[in-house]
Amino acid sequence: VAGLSAEQAAQTANLGASLVVAKSGTACLCIGELLAS
C-alpha cells in the first residue's frame, strides 16, 4: 500500500515476524517496535 516493492515489503514482514514471535499470545506490533530495530 505504501508503494514498496514486494521484496522490500517482504523484508519488513520478515523483521516483524521475528519481533512478534517473541511476544506471548496472539500479538501485533506498533511502529516503535519496528523502528527500534
PDB file of all heavy atoms in Angstrom:
ATOM      1  N   VAL A   1       0.837  -1.203   0.000  1.00  0.00           N
ATOM      2  CA  VAL A   1       0.000   0.000   0.000  1.00  0.00           C
ATOM      3  C   VAL A   1       0.871   1.252   0.000  1.00  0.00           C
ATOM      4  O   VAL A   1       0.550   2.259  -0.651  1.00  0.00           O
ATOM      5  CB  VAL A   1      -0.944   0.003   1.218  1.00  0.00           C
ATOM      6  CG1 VAL A   1      -1.536   1.383   1.448  1.00  0.00           C
ATOM      7  CG2 VAL A   1      -2.053  -1.007   1.028  1.00  0.00           C
ATOM      8  N   ALA A   2       1.991   1.196   0.720  1.00  0.00           N
ATOM      9  CA  ALA A   2       2.879   2.353   0.814  1.00  0.00           C
ATOM     10  C   ALA A   2       3.780   2.508  -0.400  1.00  0.00           C
ATOM     11  O   ALA A   2       4.583   3.446  -0.458  1.00  0.00           O
ATOM     12  CB  ALA A   2       3.730   2.246   2.078  1.00  0.00           C
ATOM     13  N   GLY A   3       3.663   1.600  -1.377  1.00  0.00           N
ATOM     14  CA  GLY A   3       4.420   1.747  -2.612  1.00  0.00           C
ATOM     15  C   GLY A   3       5.744   1.028  -2.653  1.00  0.00           C
ATOM     16  O   GLY A   3       6.544   1.230  -3.575  1.00  0.00           O
ATOM     17  N   LEU A   4       6.024   0.168  -1.679  1.00  0.00           N
ATOM     18  CA  LEU A   4       7.263  -0.592  -1.696  1.00  0.00           C
ATOM     19  C   LEU A   4       7.172  -1.728  -2.705  1.00  0.00           C
ATOM     20  O   LEU A   4       6.088  -2.163  -3.085  1.00  0.00           O
ATOM     21  CB  LEU A   4       7.559  -1.173  -0.304  1.00  0.00           C
ATOM     22  CG  LEU A   4       8.416  -0.327   0.641  1.00  0.00           C
ATOM     23  CD1 LEU A   4       7.721   0.972   0.984  1.00  0.00           C
ATOM     24  CD2 LEU A   4       8.752  -1.103   1.912  1.00  0.00           C
ATOM     25  N   SER A   5       8.321  -2.220  -3.123  1.00  0.00           N
ATOM     26  CA  SER A   5       8.349  -3.416  -3.948  1.00  0.00           C
ATOM     27  C   SER A   5       7.992  -4.614  -3.083  1.00  0.00           C
ATOM     28  O   SER A   5       8.025  -4.541  -1.844  1.00  0.00           O
ATOM     29  CB  SER A   5       9.748  -3.620  -4.541  1.00  0.00           C
ATOM     30  OG  SER A   5      10.681  -3.945  -3.511  1.00  0.00           O
ATOM     31  N   ALA A   6       7.664  -5.727  -3.735  1.00  0.00           N
ATOM     32  CA  ALA A   6       7.330  -6.938  -2.981  1.00  0.00           C
ATOM     33  C   ALA A   6       8.512  -7.375  -2.118  1.00  0.00           C
ATOM     34  O   ALA A   6       8.333  -7.829  -0.987  1.00  0.00           O
ATOM     35  CB  ALA A   6       6.928  -8.057  -3.939  1.00  0.00           C
ATOM     36  N   GLU A   7       9.729  -7.219  -2.622  1.00  0.00           N
ATOM     37  CA  GLU A   7      10.903  -7.630  -1.853  1.00  0.00           C
ATOM     38  C   GLU A   7      11.109  -6.743  -0.628  1.00  0.00           C
ATOM     39  O   GLU A   7      11.401  -7.231   0.466  1.00  0.00           O
ATOM     40  CB  GLU A   7      12.152  -7.593  -2.727  1.00  0.00           C
ATOM     41  CG  GLU A   7      13.403  -8.085  -2.007  1.00  0.00           C
ATOM     42  CD  GLU A   7      14.620  -8.173  -2.896  1.00  0.00           C
ATOM     43  OE1 GLU A   7      14.459  -8.156  -4.143  1.00  0.00           O
ATOM     44  OE2 GLU A   7      15.743  -8.271  -2.364  1.00  0.00           O
ATOM     45  N   GLN A   8      10.939  -5.434  -0.789  1.00  0.00           N
ATOM     46  CA  GLN A   8      11.070  -4.537   0.357  1.00  0.00           C
ATOM     47  C   GLN A   8       9.993  -4.814   1.398  1.00  0.00           C
ATOM     48  O   GLN A   8      10.263  -4.822   2.604  1.00  0.00           O
ATOM     49  CB  GLN A   8      10.984  -3.084  -0.108  1.00  0.00           C
ATOM     50  CG  GLN A   8      12.184  -2.610  -0.909  1.00  0.00           C
ATOM     51  CD  GLN A   8      11.954  -1.244  -1.527  1.00  0.00           C
ATOM     52  OE1 GLN A   8      10.854  -0.949  -2.003  1.00  0.00           O
ATOM     53  NE2 GLN A   8      12.974  -0.408  -1.530  1.00  0.00           N
ATOM     54  N   ALA A   9       8.762  -5.057   0.940  1.00  0.00           N
ATOM     55  CA  ALA A   9       7.677  -5.368   1.872  1.00  0.00           C
ATOM     56  C   ALA A   9       7.951  -6.683   2.595  1.00  0.00           C
ATOM     57  O   ALA A   9       7.665  -6.822   3.790  1.00  0.00           O
ATOM     58  CB  ALA A   9       6.352  -5.437   1.126  1.00  0.00           C
ATOM     59  N   ALA A  10       8.504  -7.659   1.872  1.00  0.00           N
ATOM     60  CA  ALA A  10       8.838  -8.947   2.491  1.00  0.00           C
ATOM     61  C   ALA A  10       9.932  -8.791   3.539  1.00  0.00           C
ATOM     62  O   ALA A  10       9.931  -9.484   4.566  1.00  0.00           O
ATOM     63  CB  ALA A  10       9.260  -9.949   1.417  1.00  0.00           C
ATOM     64  N   GLN A  11      10.879  -7.893   3.299  1.00  0.00           N
ATOM     65  CA  GLN A  11      11.925  -7.644   4.294  1.00  0.00           C
ATOM     66  C   GLN A  11      11.320  -7.121   5.595  1.00  0.00           C
ATOM     67  O   GLN A  11      11.702  -7.544   6.693  1.00  0.00           O
ATOM     68  CB  GLN A  11      12.935  -6.634   3.754  1.00  0.00           C
ATOM     69  CG  GLN A  11      13.828  -7.171   2.654  1.00  0.00           C
ATOM     70  CD  GLN A  11      14.731  -6.104   2.066  1.00  0.00           C
ATOM     71  OE1 GLN A  11      14.482  -4.906   2.212  1.00  0.00           O
ATOM     72  NE2 GLN A  11      15.784  -6.518   1.387  1.00  0.00           N
ATOM     73  N   THR A  12      10.367  -6.212   5.469  1.00  0.00           N
ATOM     74  CA  THR A  12       9.700  -5.697   6.659  1.00  0.00           C
ATOM     75  C   THR A  12       8.909  -6.792   7.357  1.00  0.00           C
ATOM     76  O   THR A  12       8.913  -6.903   8.594  1.00  0.00           O
ATOM     77  CB  THR A  12       8.755  -4.541   6.283  1.00  0.00           C
ATOM     78  OG1 THR A  12       9.494  -3.519   5.619  1.00  0.00           O
ATOM     79  CG2 THR A  12       8.103  -3.952   7.522  1.00  0.00           C
ATOM     80  N   ALA A  13       8.211  -7.620   6.577  1.00  0.00           N
ATOM     81  CA  ALA A  13       7.436  -8.717   7.156  1.00  0.00           C
ATOM     82  C   ALA A  13       8.342  -9.718   7.868  1.00  0.00           C
ATOM     83  O   ALA A  13       7.997 -10.251   8.935  1.00  0.00           O
ATOM     84  CB  ALA A  13       6.634  -9.417   6.068  1.00  0.00           C
ATOM     85  N   ASN A  14       9.505  -9.964   7.308  1.00  0.00           N
ATOM     86  CA  ASN A  14      10.457 -10.887   7.922  1.00  0.00           C
ATOM     87  C   ASN A  14      10.948 -10.347   9.259  1.00  0.00           C
ATOM     88  O   ASN A  14      11.055 -11.076  10.251  1.00  0.00           O
ATOM     89  CB  ASN A  14      11.633 -11.101   6.962  1.00  0.00           C
ATOM     90  CG  ASN A  14      12.515 -12.280   7.350  1.00  0.00           C
ATOM     91  OD1 ASN A  14      12.022 -13.302   7.828  1.00  0.00           O
ATOM     92  ND2 ASN A  14      13.805 -12.141   7.136  1.00  0.00           N
ATOM     93  N   LEU A  15      11.213  -9.045   9.292  1.00  0.00           N
ATOM     94  CA  LEU A  15      11.605  -8.407  10.555  1.00  0.00           C
ATOM     95  C   LEU A  15      10.466  -8.480  11.564  1.00  0.00           C
ATOM     96  O   LEU A  15      10.664  -8.841  12.730  1.00  0.00           O
ATOM     97  CB  LEU A  15      11.974  -6.941  10.286  1.00  0.00           C
ATOM     98  CG  LEU A  15      12.148  -6.043  11.506  1.00  0.00           C
ATOM     99  CD1 LEU A  15      13.300  -6.524  12.376  1.00  0.00           C
ATOM    100  CD2 LEU A  15      12.357  -4.589  11.074  1.00  0.00           C
ATOM    101  N   GLY A  16       9.244  -8.158  11.117  1.00  0.00           N
ATOM    102  CA  GLY A  16       8.107  -8.171  12.027  1.00  0.00           C
ATOM    103  C   GLY A  16       7.827  -9.538  12.610  1.00  0.00           C
ATOM    104  O   GLY A  16       7.468  -9.667  13.786  1.00  0.00           O
ATOM    105  N   ALA A  17       8.017 -10.577  11.794  1.00  0.00           N
ATOM    106  CA  ALA A  17       7.799 -11.941  12.287  1.00  0.00           C
ATOM    107  C   ALA A  17       8.742 -12.264  13.436  1.00  0.00           C
ATOM    108  O   ALA A  17       8.350 -12.891  14.430  1.00  0.00           O
ATOM    109  CB  ALA A  17       7.982 -12.944  11.149  1.00  0.00           C
ATOM    110  N   SER A  18       9.994 -11.817  13.332  1.00  0.00           N
ATOM    111  CA  SER A  18      10.965 -12.096  14.399  1.00  0.00           C
ATOM    112  C   SER A  18      10.612 -11.368  15.683  1.00  0.00           C
ATOM    113  O   SER A  18      10.933 -11.833  16.782  1.00  0.00           O
ATOM    114  CB  SER A  18      12.384 -11.707  13.944  1.00  0.00           C
ATOM    115  OG  SER A  18      12.529 -10.297  13.861  1.00  0.00           O
ATOM    116  N   LEU A  19       9.956 -10.221  15.553  1.00  0.00           N
ATOM    117  CA  LEU A  19       9.576  -9.456  16.742  1.00  0.00           C
ATOM    118  C   LEU A  19       8.323 -10.011  17.398  1.00  0.00           C
ATOM    119  O   LEU A  19       8.226 -10.078  18.625  1.00  0.00           O
ATOM    120  CB  LEU A  19       9.354  -7.991  16.360  1.00  0.00           C
ATOM    121  CG  LEU A  19      10.565  -7.234  15.807  1.00  0.00           C
ATOM    122  CD1 LEU A  19      10.153  -5.848  15.339  1.00  0.00           C
ATOM    123  CD2 LEU A  19      11.668  -7.140  16.851  1.00  0.00           C
ATOM    124  N   VAL A  20       7.342 -10.415  16.591  1.00  0.00           N
ATOM    125  CA  VAL A  20       6.057 -10.823  17.168  1.00  0.00           C
ATOM    126  C   VAL A  20       6.135 -12.203  17.808  1.00  0.00           C
ATOM    127  O   VAL A  20       5.405 -12.478  18.770  1.00  0.00           O
ATOM    128  CB  VAL A  20       4.946 -10.744  16.094  1.00  0.00           C
ATOM    129  CG1 VAL A  20       4.951 -11.968  15.188  1.00  0.00           C
ATOM    130  CG2 VAL A  20       3.583 -10.544  16.734  1.00  0.00           C
ATOM    131  N   VAL A  21       7.015 -13.096  17.319  1.00  0.00           N
ATOM    132  CA  VAL A  21       7.098 -14.423  17.936  1.00  0.00           C
ATOM    133  C   VAL A  21       7.781 -14.373  19.294  1.00  0.00           C
ATOM    134  O   VAL A  21       7.739 -15.344  20.046  1.00  0.00           O
ATOM    135  CB  VAL A  21       7.829 -15.445  17.021  1.00  0.00           C
ATOM    136  CG1 VAL A  21       7.062 -15.664  15.737  1.00  0.00           C
ATOM    137  CG2 VAL A  21       9.269 -15.027  16.741  1.00  0.00           C
ATOM    138  N   ALA A  22       8.399 -13.245  19.618  1.00  0.00           N
ATOM    139  CA  ALA A  22       8.999 -13.087  20.949  1.00  0.00           C
ATOM    140  C   ALA A  22       7.964 -12.644  21.979  1.00  0.00           C
ATOM    141  O   ALA A  22       8.276 -12.547  23.165  1.00  0.00           O
ATOM    142  CB  ALA A  22      10.138 -12.072  20.885  1.00  0.00           C
ATOM    143  N   LYS A  23       6.724 -12.389  21.532  1.00  0.00           N
ATOM    144  CA  LYS A  23       5.655 -11.982  22.431  1.00  0.00           C
ATOM    145  C   LYS A  23       4.802 -13.181  22.812  1.00  0.00           C
ATOM    146  O   LYS A  23       4.760 -14.174  22.100  1.00  0.00           O
ATOM    147  CB  LYS A  23       4.772 -10.922  21.766  1.00  0.00           C
ATOM    148  CG  LYS A  23       5.479  -9.613  21.447  1.00  0.00           C
ATOM    149  CD  LYS A  23       4.465  -8.594  20.962  1.00  0.00           C
ATOM    150  CE  LYS A  23       5.081  -7.236  20.739  1.00  0.00           C
ATOM    151  NZ  LYS A  23       4.058  -6.194  20.511  1.00  0.00           N
ATOM    152  N   SER A  24       4.076 -13.024  23.906  1.00  0.00           N
ATOM    153  CA  SER A  24       3.151 -14.066  24.339  1.00  0.00           C
ATOM    154  C   SER A  24       1.781 -13.820  23.740  1.00  0.00           C
ATOM    155  O   SER A  24       1.274 -12.699  23.746  1.00  0.00           O
ATOM    156  CB  SER A  24       3.049 -14.074  25.867  1.00  0.00           C
ATOM    157  OG  SER A  24       2.070 -15.002  26.301  1.00  0.00           O
ATOM    158  N   GLY A  25       1.189 -14.873  23.182  1.00  0.00           N
ATOM    159  CA  GLY A  25      -0.182 -14.778  22.686  1.00  0.00           C
ATOM    160  C   GLY A  25      -0.277 -14.209  21.289  1.00  0.00           C
ATOM    161  O   GLY A  25       0.717 -13.914  20.628  1.00  0.00           O
ATOM    162  N   THR A  26      -1.527 -14.080  20.832  1.00  0.00           N
ATOM    163  CA  THR A  26      -1.797 -13.501  19.521  1.00  0.00           C
ATOM    164  C   THR A  26      -1.543 -12.012  19.615  1.00  0.00           C
ATOM    165  O   THR A  26      -2.337 -11.279  20.195  1.00  0.00           O
ATOM    166  CB  THR A  26      -3.250 -13.776  19.104  1.00  0.00           C
ATOM    167  OG1 THR A  26      -3.505 -15.174  19.215  1.00  0.00           O
ATOM    168  CG2 THR A  26      -3.496 -13.329  17.676  1.00  0.00           C
ATOM    169  N   ALA A  27      -0.432 -11.554  19.047  1.00  0.00           N
ATOM    170  CA  ALA A  27       0.029 -10.190  19.295  1.00  0.00           C
ATOM    171  C   ALA A  27       0.130  -9.414  17.993  1.00  0.00           C
ATOM    172  O   ALA A  27       0.010  -9.956  16.897  1.00  0.00           O
ATOM    173  CB  ALA A  27       1.391 -10.228  19.989  1.00  0.00           C
ATOM    174  N   CYS A  28       0.344  -8.105  18.128  1.00  0.00           N
ATOM    175  CA  CYS A  28       0.624  -7.268  16.973  1.00  0.00           C
ATOM    176  C   CYS A  28       1.762  -6.325  17.343  1.00  0.00           C
ATOM    177  O   CYS A  28       2.233  -6.312  18.479  1.00  0.00           O
ATOM    178  CB  CYS A  28      -0.611  -6.516  16.506  1.00  0.00           C
ATOM    179  SG  CYS A  28      -1.202  -5.247  17.634  1.00  0.00           S
ATOM    180  N   LEU A  29       2.209  -5.557  16.373  1.00  0.00           N
ATOM    181  CA  LEU A  29       3.349  -4.671  16.565  1.00  0.00           C
ATOM    182  C   LEU A  29       2.911  -3.221  16.428  1.00  0.00           C
ATOM    183  O   LEU A  29       1.968  -2.903  15.704  1.00  0.00           O
ATOM    184  CB  LEU A  29       4.427  -4.956  15.528  1.00  0.00           C
ATOM    185  CG  LEU A  29       5.043  -6.354  15.532  1.00  0.00           C
ATOM    186  CD1 LEU A  29       5.974  -6.505  14.343  1.00  0.00           C
ATOM    187  CD2 LEU A  29       5.800  -6.617  16.828  1.00  0.00           C
ATOM    188  N   CYS A  30       3.624  -2.345  17.102  1.00  0.00           N
ATOM    189  CA  CYS A  30       3.422  -0.922  16.876  1.00  0.00           C
ATOM    190  C   CYS A  30       4.640  -0.382  16.138  1.00  0.00           C
ATOM    191  O   CYS A  30       5.669  -1.046  16.016  1.00  0.00           O
ATOM    192  CB  CYS A  30       3.195  -0.170  18.186  1.00  0.00           C
ATOM    193  SG  CYS A  30       4.660   0.004  19.214  1.00  0.00           S
ATOM    194  N   ILE A  31       4.519   0.832  15.648  1.00  0.00           N
ATOM    195  CA  ILE A  31       5.570   1.434  14.836  1.00  0.00           C
ATOM    196  C   ILE A  31       6.892   1.498  15.592  1.00  0.00           C
ATOM    197  O   ILE A  31       7.957   1.216  15.040  1.00  0.00           O
ATOM    198  CB  ILE A  31       5.122   2.834  14.383  1.00  0.00           C
ATOM    199  CG1 ILE A  31       3.972   2.710  13.376  1.00  0.00           C
ATOM    200  CG2 ILE A  31       6.270   3.618  13.782  1.00  0.00           C
ATOM    201  CD1 ILE A  31       3.275   4.009  13.061  1.00  0.00           C
ATOM    202  N   GLY A  32       6.829   1.852  16.871  1.00  0.00           N
ATOM    203  CA  GLY A  32       8.049   1.994  17.659  1.00  0.00           C
ATOM    204  C   GLY A  32       8.836   0.711  17.813  1.00  0.00           C
ATOM    205  O   GLY A  32      10.064   0.737  17.941  1.00  0.00           O
ATOM    206  N   GLU A  33       8.149  -0.428  17.794  1.00  0.00           N
ATOM    207  CA  GLU A  33       8.854  -1.705  17.904  1.00  0.00           C
ATOM    208  C   GLU A  33       9.609  -2.019  16.626  1.00  0.00           C
ATOM    209  O   GLU A  33      10.715  -2.565  16.657  1.00  0.00           O
ATOM    210  CB  GLU A  33       7.854  -2.818  18.232  1.00  0.00           C
ATOM    211  CG  GLU A  33       7.269  -2.706  19.623  1.00  0.00           C
ATOM    212  CD  GLU A  33       6.132  -3.684  19.854  1.00  0.00           C
ATOM    213  OE1 GLU A  33       5.114  -3.602  19.135  1.00  0.00           O
ATOM    214  OE2 GLU A  33       6.264  -4.536  20.760  1.00  0.00           O
ATOM    215  N   LEU A  34       9.020  -1.680  15.477  1.00  0.00           N
ATOM    216  CA  LEU A  34       9.709  -1.899  14.208  1.00  0.00           C
ATOM    217  C   LEU A  34      10.906  -0.962  14.065  1.00  0.00           C
ATOM    218  O   LEU A  34      12.010  -1.396  13.709  1.00  0.00           O
ATOM    219  CB  LEU A  34       8.741  -1.687  13.044  1.00  0.00           C
ATOM    220  CG  LEU A  34       7.717  -2.797  12.813  1.00  0.00           C
ATOM    221  CD1 LEU A  34       6.601  -2.312  11.899  1.00  0.00           C
ATOM    222  CD2 LEU A  34       8.382  -4.034  12.216  1.00  0.00           C
ATOM    223  N   LEU A  35      10.704   0.306  14.365  1.00  0.00           N
ATOM    224  CA  LEU A  35      11.785   1.272  14.191  1.00  0.00           C
ATOM    225  C   LEU A  35      12.914   1.077  15.199  1.00  0.00           C
ATOM    226  O   LEU A  35      14.050   1.478  14.949  1.00  0.00           O
ATOM    227  CB  LEU A  35      11.238   2.697  14.294  1.00  0.00           C
ATOM    228  CG  LEU A  35      10.294   3.135  13.165  1.00  0.00           C
ATOM    229  CD1 LEU A  35       9.881   4.593  13.347  1.00  0.00           C
ATOM    230  CD2 LEU A  35      10.928   2.932  11.801  1.00  0.00           C
ATOM    231  N   ALA A  36      12.629   0.450  16.332  1.00  0.00           N
ATOM    232  CA  ALA A  36      13.679   0.208  17.322  1.00  0.00           C
ATOM    233  C   ALA A  36      14.735  -0.756  16.801  1.00  0.00           C
ATOM    234  O   ALA A  36      15.846  -0.814  17.332  1.00  0.00           O
ATOM    235  CB  ALA A  36      13.071  -0.340  18.615  1.00  0.00           C
ATOM    236  N   SER A  37      14.405  -1.512  15.759  1.00  0.00           N
ATOM    237  CA  SER A  37      15.358  -2.485  15.202  1.00  0.00           C
ATOM    238  C   SER A  37      16.348  -1.847  14.250  1.00  0.00           C
ATOM    239  O   SER A  37      17.313  -2.480  13.826  1.00  0.00           O
ATOM    240  CB  SER A  37      14.589  -3.576  14.456  1.00  0.00           C
ATOM    241  OG  SER A  37      13.952  -3.031  13.311  1.00  0.00           O
TER     242      SER A  37
END
